Amino acid sequence: MSPSTGAALRLLAASVDAKAVAEIGTGCGVSGIHLLHGMRPDGVLTTVDPEPDHQQFARQAFRVCGFASNRARFIPGRALDVLPRLADAGYDLVFCDGDRLEYPDYLAESLRLLRPGGLVVFEGVFANGRTVDSGPQPTEVLRLRELLRTVRESQELVSSLLPVGDGLLCAVKR
């Protein structure tokens, strides 16, 4: 994750005064650290990842950065299996950095999870410039284009594509 992407995540979490954030794709914890820095001091990050080893590494990284263990909830599993179990309208921000083939499905779940005024953020939507190439593209890029089109055409969302890192698609739920 680029420093500019991390800074944007901190700002976005702070801008919605995030107390509850859901993260799809724990990774090594870098994005979670940025989100936690932007969240309210009593905020809780719920992070989902299919790899328990990633979550263990992130747990250690959060501890090293001084976050109390009760600031993060780690749920192992595939996002599309876990997200339906999370509370409707219970989140201020949903950050999606998982399987790009599933991004359109994450959007549907995110809209259910977000409170009105909440924010959904998708990382990597430029796909290293491939989303604007006119030639034949792999399925991942076609799914990203589907996501971009759905968000753009939605009457329920106010969106912007931020040109930081590999692209952050941000949308506020009306």
N, C-alpha and C. Protein backbone atom coordinates (compact mmCIF):
# COMPACT_ATOMS: atom_id res chain seq x y z
N MET A 1 0.85 -1.18 0.00
CA MET A 1 0.00 0.00 0.00
C MET A 1 0.88 1.23 0.00
N SER A 2 0.56 2.18 -0.87
CA SER A 2 1.34 3.41 -0.96
C SER A 2 1.06 4.31 0.24
N PRO A 3 2.03 5.16 0.58
CA PRO A 3 1.80 6.11 1.68
C PRO A 3 0.58 7.00 1.41
N SER A 4 0.37 7.39 0.15
CA SER A 4 -0.77 8.25 -0.17
C SER A 4 -2.09 7.51 0.05
N THR A 5 -2.14 6.22 -0.25
CA THR A 5 -3.34 5.44 -0.01
C THR A 5 -3.61 5.34 1.49
N GLY A 6 -2.57 5.09 2.27
CA GLY A 6 -2.72 5.03 3.72
C GLY A 6 -3.22 6.34 4.29
N ALA A 7 -2.66 7.45 3.81
CA ALA A 7 -3.09 8.77 4.28
C ALA A 7 -4.56 9.00 3.92
N ALA A 8 -4.95 8.58 2.73
CA ALA A 8 -6.35 8.74 2.31
C ALA A 8 -7.27 7.91 3.20
N LEU A 9 -6.87 6.69 3.54
CA LEU A 9 -7.71 5.85 4.41
C LEU A 9 -7.88 6.49 5.79
N ARG A 10 -6.79 7.03 6.35
CA ARG A 10 -6.89 7.73 7.65
C ARG A 10 -7.88 8.88 7.56
N LEU A 11 -7.75 9.68 6.50
CA LEU A 11 -8.62 10.83 6.31
C LEU A 11 -10.07 10.39 6.15
N LEU A 12 -10.32 9.37 5.35
CA LEU A 12 -11.68 8.91 5.11
C LEU A 12 -12.32 8.38 6.39
N ALA A 13 -11.57 7.62 7.17
CA ALA A 13 -12.09 7.10 8.44
C ALA A 13 -12.42 8.26 9.39
N ALA A 14 -11.55 9.26 9.42
CA ALA A 14 -11.80 10.42 10.29
C ALA A 14 -12.98 11.24 9.79
N SER A 15 -13.13 11.33 8.48
CA SER A 15 -14.19 12.18 7.92
C SER A 15 -15.59 11.67 8.24
N VAL A 16 -15.74 10.35 8.43
CA VAL A 16 -17.05 9.81 8.82
C VAL A 16 -17.12 9.54 10.32
N ASP A 17 -16.10 10.01 11.07
CA ASP A 17 -16.03 9.81 12.52
C ASP A 17 -16.27 8.34 12.86
N ALA A 18 -15.52 7.48 12.15
CA ALA A 18 -15.76 6.03 12.19
C ALA A 18 -15.55 5.43 13.57
N LYS A 19 -16.60 4.76 14.02
CA LYS A 19 -16.53 3.97 15.25
C LYS A 19 -16.51 2.49 14.92
N ALA A 20 -17.16 2.11 13.81
CA ALA A 20 -17.21 0.71 13.38
C ALA A 20 -16.81 0.65 11.91
N VAL A 21 -15.72 -0.09 11.63
CA VAL A 21 -15.22 -0.25 10.27
C VAL A 21 -15.10 -1.73 9.98
N ALA A 22 -15.54 -2.12 8.79
CA ALA A 22 -15.34 -3.49 8.31
C ALA A 22 -14.30 -3.45 7.20
N GLU A 23 -13.33 -4.34 7.30
CA GLU A 23 -12.25 -4.43 6.31
C GLU A 23 -12.29 -5.80 5.68
N ILE A 24 -12.34 -5.84 4.36
CA ILE A 24 -12.28 -7.09 3.62
C ILE A 24 -10.87 -7.22 3.07
N GLY A 25 -10.14 -8.19 3.61
CA GLY A 25 -8.75 -8.39 3.22
C GLY A 25 -7.80 -7.80 4.25
N THR A 26 -7.50 -8.56 5.29
CA THR A 26 -6.62 -8.10 6.36
C THR A 26 -5.21 -7.86 5.86
N GLY A 27 -4.74 -8.78 4.99
CA GLY A 27 -3.35 -8.69 4.53
C GLY A 27 -2.41 -8.73 5.71
N CYS A 28 -1.35 -7.93 5.68
CA CYS A 28 -0.40 -7.91 6.79
C CYS A 28 -0.74 -6.83 7.81
N GLY A 29 -1.86 -6.14 7.62
CA GLY A 29 -2.32 -5.18 8.62
C GLY A 29 -2.04 -3.72 8.32
N VAL A 30 -1.39 -3.42 7.21
CA VAL A 30 -1.03 -2.03 6.91
C VAL A 30 -2.27 -1.15 6.77
N SER A 31 -3.24 -1.59 5.98
CA SER A 31 -4.44 -0.77 5.80
C SER A 31 -5.19 -0.64 7.12
N GLY A 32 -5.23 -1.72 7.90
CA GLY A 32 -5.90 -1.67 9.20
C GLY A 32 -5.27 -0.66 10.13
N ILE A 33 -3.97 -0.56 10.12
CA ILE A 33 -3.28 0.43 10.96
C ILE A 33 -3.69 1.84 10.55
N HIS A 34 -3.73 2.11 9.25
CA HIS A 34 -4.15 3.44 8.78
C HIS A 34 -5.60 3.72 9.16
N LEU A 35 -6.46 2.73 8.99
CA LEU A 35 -7.87 2.91 9.36
C LEU A 35 -8.01 3.19 10.86
N LEU A 36 -7.32 2.40 11.68
CA LEU A 36 -7.39 2.59 13.13
C LEU A 36 -6.90 3.98 13.54
N HIS A 37 -5.86 4.48 12.89
CA HIS A 37 -5.37 5.82 13.21
C HIS A 37 -6.41 6.89 12.89
N GLY A 38 -7.25 6.66 11.87
CA GLY A 38 -8.27 7.64 11.52
C GLY A 38 -9.56 7.50 12.29
N MET A 39 -9.78 6.35 12.91
CA MET A 39 -11.03 6.08 13.62
C MET A 39 -11.07 6.77 14.98
N ARG A 40 -12.25 6.82 15.56
CA ARG A 40 -12.41 7.32 16.93
C ARG A 40 -11.60 6.44 17.88
N PRO A 41 -11.15 6.99 19.01
CA PRO A 41 -10.35 6.20 19.96
C PRO A 41 -11.09 4.97 20.49
N ASP A 42 -12.42 4.99 20.48
CA ASP A 42 -13.18 3.83 20.96
C ASP A 42 -13.67 2.95 19.81
N GLY A 43 -13.18 3.23 18.60
CA GLY A 43 -13.62 2.49 17.42
C GLY A 43 -13.07 1.08 17.35
N VAL A 44 -13.82 0.23 16.65
CA VAL A 44 -13.43 -1.17 16.47
C VAL A 44 -13.38 -1.50 14.98
N LEU A 45 -12.27 -2.08 14.57
CA LEU A 45 -12.07 -2.55 13.21
C LEU A 45 -12.40 -4.04 13.16
N THR A 46 -13.34 -4.42 12.30
CA THR A 46 -13.65 -5.84 12.07
C THR A 46 -12.99 -6.20 10.75
N THR A 47 -12.04 -7.12 10.79
CA THR A 47 -11.28 -7.44 9.60
C THR A 47 -11.44 -8.91 9.23
N VAL A 48 -11.69 -9.16 7.95
CA VAL A 48 -12.00 -10.49 7.44
C VAL A 48 -10.94 -10.90 6.44
N ASP A 49 -10.43 -12.12 6.59
CA ASP A 49 -9.43 -12.63 5.65
C ASP A 49 -9.48 -14.16 5.66
N PRO A 50 -9.33 -14.79 4.50
CA PRO A 50 -9.36 -16.25 4.47
C PRO A 50 -8.09 -16.90 5.04
N GLU A 51 -7.03 -16.11 5.23
CA GLU A 51 -5.75 -16.65 5.69
C GLU A 51 -5.51 -16.30 7.17
N PRO A 52 -5.65 -17.28 8.08
CA PRO A 52 -5.40 -17.00 9.50
C PRO A 52 -3.99 -16.47 9.77
N ASP A 53 -3.01 -16.89 8.96
CA ASP A 53 -1.64 -16.39 9.15
C ASP A 53 -1.57 -14.88 8.92
N HIS A 54 -2.31 -14.38 7.94
CA HIS A 54 -2.34 -12.94 7.70
C HIS A 54 -2.89 -12.23 8.93
N GLN A 55 -3.95 -12.78 9.48
CA GLN A 55 -4.57 -12.13 10.63
C GLN A 55 -3.65 -12.16 11.85
N GLN A 56 -2.91 -13.23 12.03
CA GLN A 56 -1.98 -13.29 13.15
C GLN A 56 -0.89 -12.23 12.99
N PHE A 57 -0.38 -12.09 11.78
CA PHE A 57 0.65 -11.07 11.51
C PHE A 57 0.08 -9.68 11.77
N ALA A 58 -1.15 -9.42 11.31
CA ALA A 58 -1.77 -8.11 11.52
C ALA A 58 -2.01 -7.84 13.00
N ARG A 59 -2.43 -8.86 13.73
CA ARG A 59 -2.66 -8.72 15.18
C ARG A 59 -1.37 -8.24 15.86
N GLN A 60 -0.24 -8.84 15.48
CA GLN A 60 1.05 -8.43 16.05
C GLN A 60 1.40 -7.01 15.64
N ALA A 61 1.14 -6.66 14.37
CA ALA A 61 1.45 -5.31 13.88
C ALA A 61 0.62 -4.27 14.63
N PHE A 62 -0.66 -4.56 14.88
CA PHE A 62 -1.51 -3.62 15.62
C PHE A 62 -0.97 -3.43 17.04
N ARG A 63 -0.54 -4.52 17.66
CA ARG A 63 -0.01 -4.46 19.02
C ARG A 63 1.27 -3.60 19.04
N VAL A 64 2.16 -3.82 18.07
CA VAL A 64 3.40 -3.05 17.99
C VAL A 64 3.11 -1.56 17.82
N CYS A 65 2.03 -1.23 17.11
CA CYS A 65 1.65 0.17 16.90
C CYS A 65 0.91 0.77 18.09
N GLY A 66 0.70 -0.03 19.13
CA GLY A 66 0.10 0.48 20.36
C GLY A 66 -1.41 0.39 20.45
N PHE A 67 -2.05 -0.34 19.56
CA PHE A 67 -3.50 -0.48 19.63
C PHE A 67 -3.87 -1.60 20.60
N ALA A 68 -4.82 -1.31 21.47
CA ALA A 68 -5.31 -2.32 22.42
C ALA A 68 -5.97 -3.45 21.64
N SER A 69 -5.93 -4.64 22.20
CA SER A 69 -6.47 -5.82 21.50
C SER A 69 -7.97 -5.70 21.24
N ASN A 70 -8.69 -4.91 22.04
CA ASN A 70 -10.13 -4.78 21.83
C ASN A 70 -10.48 -3.80 20.70
N ARG A 71 -9.49 -3.22 20.04
CA ARG A 71 -9.73 -2.30 18.92
C ARG A 71 -9.93 -3.02 17.60
N ALA A 72 -9.62 -4.33 17.56
CA ALA A 72 -9.77 -5.08 16.31
C ALA A 72 -10.39 -6.43 16.58
N ARG A 73 -11.29 -6.80 15.68
CA ARG A 73 -11.94 -8.10 15.74
C ARG A 73 -11.55 -8.82 14.45
N PHE A 74 -10.92 -9.98 14.58
CA PHE A 74 -10.43 -10.74 13.44
C PHE A 74 -11.37 -11.90 13.17
N ILE A 75 -11.88 -11.98 11.95
CA ILE A 75 -12.77 -13.06 11.57
C ILE A 75 -12.16 -13.78 10.37
N PRO A 76 -11.71 -15.03 10.58
CA PRO A 76 -11.16 -15.77 9.44
C PRO A 76 -12.29 -16.31 8.56
N GLY A 77 -12.04 -16.31 7.26
CA GLY A 77 -13.01 -16.87 6.33
C GLY A 77 -13.11 -16.05 5.06
N ARG A 78 -13.81 -16.61 4.09
CA ARG A 78 -14.08 -15.89 2.83
C ARG A 78 -15.06 -14.76 3.12
N ALA A 79 -14.80 -13.61 2.55
CA ALA A 79 -15.62 -12.43 2.82
C ALA A 79 -17.10 -12.69 2.53
N LEU A 80 -17.41 -13.34 1.42
CA LEU A 80 -18.81 -13.54 1.06
C LEU A 80 -19.51 -14.55 1.96
N ASP A 81 -18.74 -15.32 2.73
CA ASP A 81 -19.32 -16.20 3.74
C ASP A 81 -19.51 -15.47 5.08
N VAL A 82 -18.60 -14.54 5.37
CA VAL A 82 -18.60 -13.84 6.67
C VAL A 82 -19.52 -12.61 6.67
N LEU A 83 -19.48 -11.82 5.62
CA LEU A 83 -20.21 -10.55 5.60
C LEU A 83 -21.70 -10.69 5.90
N PRO A 84 -22.39 -11.72 5.39
CA PRO A 84 -23.82 -11.84 5.71
C PRO A 84 -24.11 -11.98 7.20
N ARG A 85 -23.11 -12.35 7.99
CA ARG A 85 -23.31 -12.51 9.43
C ARG A 85 -23.12 -11.20 10.20
N LEU A 86 -22.64 -10.15 9.53
CA LEU A 86 -22.40 -8.86 10.19
C LEU A 86 -23.70 -8.04 10.20
N ALA A 87 -23.79 -7.11 11.14
CA ALA A 87 -25.03 -6.36 11.41
C ALA A 87 -25.40 -5.39 10.29
N ASP A 88 -26.67 -5.40 9.92
CA ASP A 88 -27.21 -4.43 8.97
C ASP A 88 -27.05 -3.02 9.53
N ALA A 89 -26.60 -2.10 8.68
CA ALA A 89 -26.46 -0.68 9.04
C ALA A 89 -25.60 -0.47 10.29
N GLY A 90 -24.69 -1.40 10.56
CA GLY A 90 -23.86 -1.32 11.76
C GLY A 90 -22.48 -0.73 11.57
N TYR A 91 -22.17 -0.25 10.36
CA TYR A 91 -20.81 0.19 10.06
C TYR A 91 -20.80 1.59 9.45
N ASP A 92 -19.75 2.32 9.80
CA ASP A 92 -19.54 3.67 9.28
C ASP A 92 -18.74 3.65 7.99
N LEU A 93 -17.89 2.64 7.83
CA LEU A 93 -17.02 2.55 6.67
C LEU A 93 -16.76 1.07 6.39
N VAL A 94 -16.75 0.71 5.11
CA VAL A 94 -16.36 -0.63 4.68
C VAL A 94 -15.22 -0.44 3.69
N PHE A 95 -14.07 -1.06 3.98
CA PHE A 95 -12.90 -0.99 3.10
C PHE A 95 -12.72 -2.34 2.43
N CYS A 96 -12.73 -2.34 1.10
CA CYS A 96 -12.65 -3.57 0.31
C CYS A 96 -11.29 -3.68 -0.37
N ASP A 97 -10.52 -4.67 0.04
CA ASP A 97 -9.21 -4.93 -0.55
C ASP A 97 -9.01 -6.44 -0.62
N GLY A 98 -10.04 -7.14 -1.06
CA GLY A 98 -10.00 -8.59 -1.15
C GLY A 98 -9.88 -9.04 -2.60
N ASP A 99 -10.60 -10.08 -2.93
CA ASP A 99 -10.60 -10.66 -4.27
C ASP A 99 -11.34 -9.74 -5.22
N ARG A 100 -10.64 -9.17 -6.19
CA ARG A 100 -11.25 -8.21 -7.11
C ARG A 100 -12.36 -8.83 -7.95
N LEU A 101 -12.33 -10.13 -8.14
CA LEU A 101 -13.42 -10.80 -8.86
C LEU A 101 -14.73 -10.69 -8.08
N GLU A 102 -14.63 -10.48 -6.77
CA GLU A 102 -15.81 -10.41 -5.91
C GLU A 102 -16.23 -8.98 -5.57
N TYR A 103 -15.53 -7.98 -6.11
CA TYR A 103 -15.84 -6.59 -5.76
C TYR A 103 -17.31 -6.22 -5.98
N PRO A 104 -17.94 -6.58 -7.11
CA PRO A 104 -19.37 -6.23 -7.25
C PRO A 104 -20.23 -6.86 -6.15
N ASP A 105 -19.88 -8.06 -5.71
CA ASP A 105 -20.62 -8.71 -4.62
C ASP A 105 -20.34 -8.01 -3.29
N TYR A 106 -19.10 -7.55 -3.09
CA TYR A 106 -18.79 -6.80 -1.87
C TYR A 106 -19.61 -5.52 -1.81
N LEU A 107 -19.85 -4.89 -2.96
CA LEU A 107 -20.63 -3.66 -2.97
C LEU A 107 -22.03 -3.93 -2.42
N ALA A 108 -22.66 -4.98 -2.88
CA ALA A 108 -24.01 -5.30 -2.41
C ALA A 108 -24.02 -5.52 -0.89
N GLU A 109 -23.05 -6.28 -0.38
CA GLU A 109 -22.97 -6.51 1.06
C GLU A 109 -22.65 -5.21 1.81
N SER A 110 -21.78 -4.39 1.24
CA SER A 110 -21.40 -3.13 1.89
C SER A 110 -22.59 -2.21 2.05
N LEU A 111 -23.45 -2.14 1.04
CA LEU A 111 -24.63 -1.27 1.13
C LEU A 111 -25.54 -1.71 2.26
N ARG A 112 -25.61 -3.00 2.50
CA ARG A 112 -26.42 -3.52 3.61
C ARG A 112 -25.76 -3.19 4.94
N LEU A 113 -24.44 -3.29 5.00
CA LEU A 113 -23.70 -3.07 6.25
C LEU A 113 -23.62 -1.60 6.66
N LEU A 114 -23.63 -0.69 5.70
CA LEU A 114 -23.41 0.72 5.99
C LEU A 114 -24.65 1.43 6.52
N ARG A 115 -24.42 2.32 7.46
CA ARG A 115 -25.46 3.23 7.92
C ARG A 115 -25.61 4.31 6.84
N PRO A 116 -26.75 5.02 6.79
CA PRO A 116 -26.85 6.17 5.88
C PRO A 116 -25.73 7.17 6.20
N GLY A 117 -25.07 7.67 5.19
CA GLY A 117 -23.92 8.56 5.39
C GLY A 117 -22.61 7.81 5.52
N GLY A 118 -22.68 6.47 5.53
CA GLY A 118 -21.48 5.65 5.61
C GLY A 118 -20.76 5.62 4.27
N LEU A 119 -19.53 5.13 4.31
CA LEU A 119 -18.63 5.20 3.16
C LEU A 119 -18.11 3.81 2.81
N VAL A 120 -18.15 3.46 1.53
CA VAL A 120 -17.51 2.24 1.06
C VAL A 120 -16.32 2.66 0.20
N VAL A 121 -15.20 1.94 0.37
CA VAL A 121 -13.96 2.27 -0.34
C VAL A 121 -13.40 0.98 -0.94
N PHE A 122 -13.09 1.04 -2.23
CA PHE A 122 -12.50 -0.09 -2.94
C PHE A 122 -11.08 0.28 -3.36
N GLU A 123 -10.12 -0.57 -3.02
CA GLU A 123 -8.71 -0.34 -3.35
C GLU A 123 -8.36 -1.06 -4.64
N GLY A 124 -7.48 -0.44 -5.44
CA GLY A 124 -6.93 -1.11 -6.61
C GLY A 124 -7.80 -1.10 -7.85
N VAL A 125 -8.72 -0.13 -7.97
CA VAL A 125 -9.65 -0.15 -9.09
C VAL A 125 -9.03 0.26 -10.43
N PHE A 126 -7.82 0.80 -10.41
CA PHE A 126 -7.15 1.09 -11.69
C PHE A 126 -6.55 -0.18 -12.30
N ALA A 127 -6.32 -1.20 -11.47
CA ALA A 127 -5.71 -2.46 -11.94
C ALA A 127 -4.48 -2.18 -12.79
N ASN A 128 -3.59 -1.35 -12.25
CA ASN A 128 -2.36 -0.97 -12.95
C ASN A 128 -2.64 -0.40 -14.33
N GLY A 129 -3.70 0.38 -14.46
CA GLY A 129 -4.05 1.04 -15.70
C GLY A 129 -4.90 0.21 -16.65
N ARG A 130 -5.16 -1.04 -16.29
CA ARG A 130 -5.87 -1.92 -17.22
C ARG A 130 -7.35 -1.61 -17.35
N THR A 131 -7.96 -0.93 -16.36
CA THR A 131 -9.40 -0.68 -16.46
C THR A 131 -9.74 0.32 -17.56
N VAL A 132 -8.75 1.08 -18.04
CA VAL A 132 -9.01 2.04 -19.12
C VAL A 132 -8.45 1.58 -20.46
N ASP A 133 -7.74 0.46 -20.48
CA ASP A 133 -7.23 -0.06 -21.75
C ASP A 133 -8.40 -0.55 -22.60
N SER A 134 -8.29 -0.35 -23.91
CA SER A 134 -9.40 -0.73 -24.80
C SER A 134 -9.31 -2.17 -25.29
N GLY A 135 -8.17 -2.80 -25.15
CA GLY A 135 -8.01 -4.17 -25.64
C GLY A 135 -8.72 -5.20 -24.78
N PRO A 136 -8.69 -6.46 -25.20
CA PRO A 136 -9.29 -7.54 -24.40
C PRO A 136 -8.66 -7.58 -23.01
N GLN A 137 -9.51 -7.84 -22.01
CA GLN A 137 -9.05 -7.79 -20.63
C GLN A 137 -9.43 -9.07 -19.88
N PRO A 138 -8.65 -9.40 -18.84
CA PRO A 138 -9.01 -10.56 -18.02
C PRO A 138 -10.30 -10.29 -17.22
N THR A 139 -10.87 -11.34 -16.70
CA THR A 139 -12.12 -11.27 -15.95
C THR A 139 -12.03 -10.27 -14.80
N GLU A 140 -10.89 -10.21 -14.13
CA GLU A 140 -10.73 -9.28 -13.01
C GLU A 140 -11.03 -7.84 -13.44
N VAL A 141 -10.50 -7.44 -14.58
CA VAL A 141 -10.71 -6.08 -15.07
C VAL A 141 -12.17 -5.88 -15.48
N LEU A 142 -12.77 -6.88 -16.09
CA LEU A 142 -14.18 -6.78 -16.46
C LEU A 142 -15.06 -6.61 -15.22
N ARG A 143 -14.73 -7.31 -14.14
CA ARG A 143 -15.48 -7.17 -12.88
C ARG A 143 -15.27 -5.78 -12.27
N LEU A 144 -14.05 -5.24 -12.37
CA LEU A 144 -13.80 -3.88 -11.87
C LEU A 144 -14.61 -2.86 -12.67
N ARG A 145 -14.67 -3.05 -13.99
CA ARG A 145 -15.48 -2.14 -14.82
C ARG A 145 -16.95 -2.24 -14.44
N GLU A 146 -17.41 -3.44 -14.15
CA GLU A 146 -18.80 -3.65 -13.72
C GLU A 146 -19.06 -2.88 -12.43
N LEU A 147 -18.12 -2.98 -11.47
CA LEU A 147 -18.24 -2.25 -10.21
C LEU A 147 -18.31 -0.74 -10.46
N LEU A 148 -17.38 -0.23 -11.26
CA LEU A 148 -17.34 1.21 -11.54
C LEU A 148 -18.66 1.68 -12.17
N ARG A 149 -19.17 0.91 -13.10
CA ARG A 149 -20.43 1.27 -13.77
C ARG A 149 -21.60 1.25 -12.77
N THR A 150 -21.65 0.22 -11.94
CA THR A 150 -22.74 0.10 -10.96
C THR A 150 -22.72 1.27 -9.98
N VAL A 151 -21.56 1.61 -9.49
CA VAL A 151 -21.44 2.72 -8.53
C VAL A 151 -21.82 4.03 -9.22
N ARG A 152 -21.32 4.24 -10.42
CA ARG A 152 -21.60 5.49 -11.15
C ARG A 152 -23.10 5.66 -11.40
N GLU A 153 -23.79 4.58 -11.73
CA GLU A 153 -25.21 4.65 -12.08
C GLU A 153 -26.15 4.58 -10.88
N SER A 154 -25.63 4.30 -9.70
CA SER A 154 -26.46 4.14 -8.51
C SER A 154 -27.04 5.47 -8.04
N GLN A 155 -28.33 5.46 -7.76
CA GLN A 155 -28.99 6.62 -7.18
C GLN A 155 -28.78 6.66 -5.66
N GLU A 156 -28.31 5.56 -5.11
CA GLU A 156 -28.12 5.42 -3.66
C GLU A 156 -26.75 5.90 -3.20
N LEU A 157 -25.84 6.18 -4.16
CA LEU A 157 -24.46 6.49 -3.82
C LEU A 157 -24.01 7.82 -4.43
N VAL A 158 -23.14 8.51 -3.69
CA VAL A 158 -22.40 9.66 -4.20
C VAL A 158 -20.96 9.21 -4.23
N SER A 159 -20.34 9.21 -5.41
CA SER A 159 -19.03 8.56 -5.53
C SER A 159 -17.96 9.48 -6.11
N SER A 160 -16.72 9.06 -5.89
CA SER A 160 -15.56 9.70 -6.49
C SER A 160 -14.45 8.67 -6.60
N LEU A 161 -13.68 8.78 -7.67
CA LEU A 161 -12.53 7.92 -7.88
C LEU A 161 -11.29 8.74 -7.55
N LEU A 162 -10.59 8.36 -6.47
CA LEU A 162 -9.40 9.10 -6.04
C LEU A 162 -8.16 8.50 -6.69
N PRO A 163 -7.36 9.35 -7.35
CA PRO A 163 -6.16 8.84 -8.04
C PRO A 163 -4.95 8.70 -7.10
N VAL A 164 -5.11 7.92 -6.05
CA VAL A 164 -3.99 7.62 -5.15
C VAL A 164 -3.69 6.13 -5.23
N GLY A 165 -2.42 5.78 -5.10
CA GLY A 165 -2.04 4.38 -5.21
C GLY A 165 -2.52 3.81 -6.53
N ASP A 166 -3.18 2.67 -6.46
CA ASP A 166 -3.73 2.03 -7.65
C ASP A 166 -5.21 2.35 -7.80
N GLY A 167 -5.64 3.47 -7.24
CA GLY A 167 -7.01 3.94 -7.38
C GLY A 167 -7.90 3.54 -6.22
N LEU A 168 -8.54 4.53 -5.61
CA LEU A 168 -9.52 4.29 -4.54
C LEU A 168 -10.88 4.77 -5.03
N LEU A 169 -11.81 3.85 -5.13
CA LEU A 169 -13.18 4.20 -5.46
C LEU A 169 -13.91 4.40 -4.13
N CYS A 170 -14.44 5.60 -3.92
CA CYS A 170 -15.11 5.94 -2.67
C CYS A 170 -16.55 6.30 -2.98
N ALA A 171 -17.48 5.82 -2.16
CA ALA A 171 -18.89 6.14 -2.36
C ALA A 171 -19.58 6.27 -1.02
N VAL A 172 -20.34 7.34 -0.86
CA VAL A 172 -21.13 7.59 0.35
C VAL A 172 -22.54 7.08 0.10
N LYS A 173 -23.06 6.34 1.06
CA LYS A 173 -24.44 5.85 0.97
C LYS A 173 -25.38 6.96 1.41
N ARG A 174 -26.34 7.28 0.55
CA ARG A 174 -27.33 8.34 0.88
C ARG A 174 -28.24 7.88 1.99
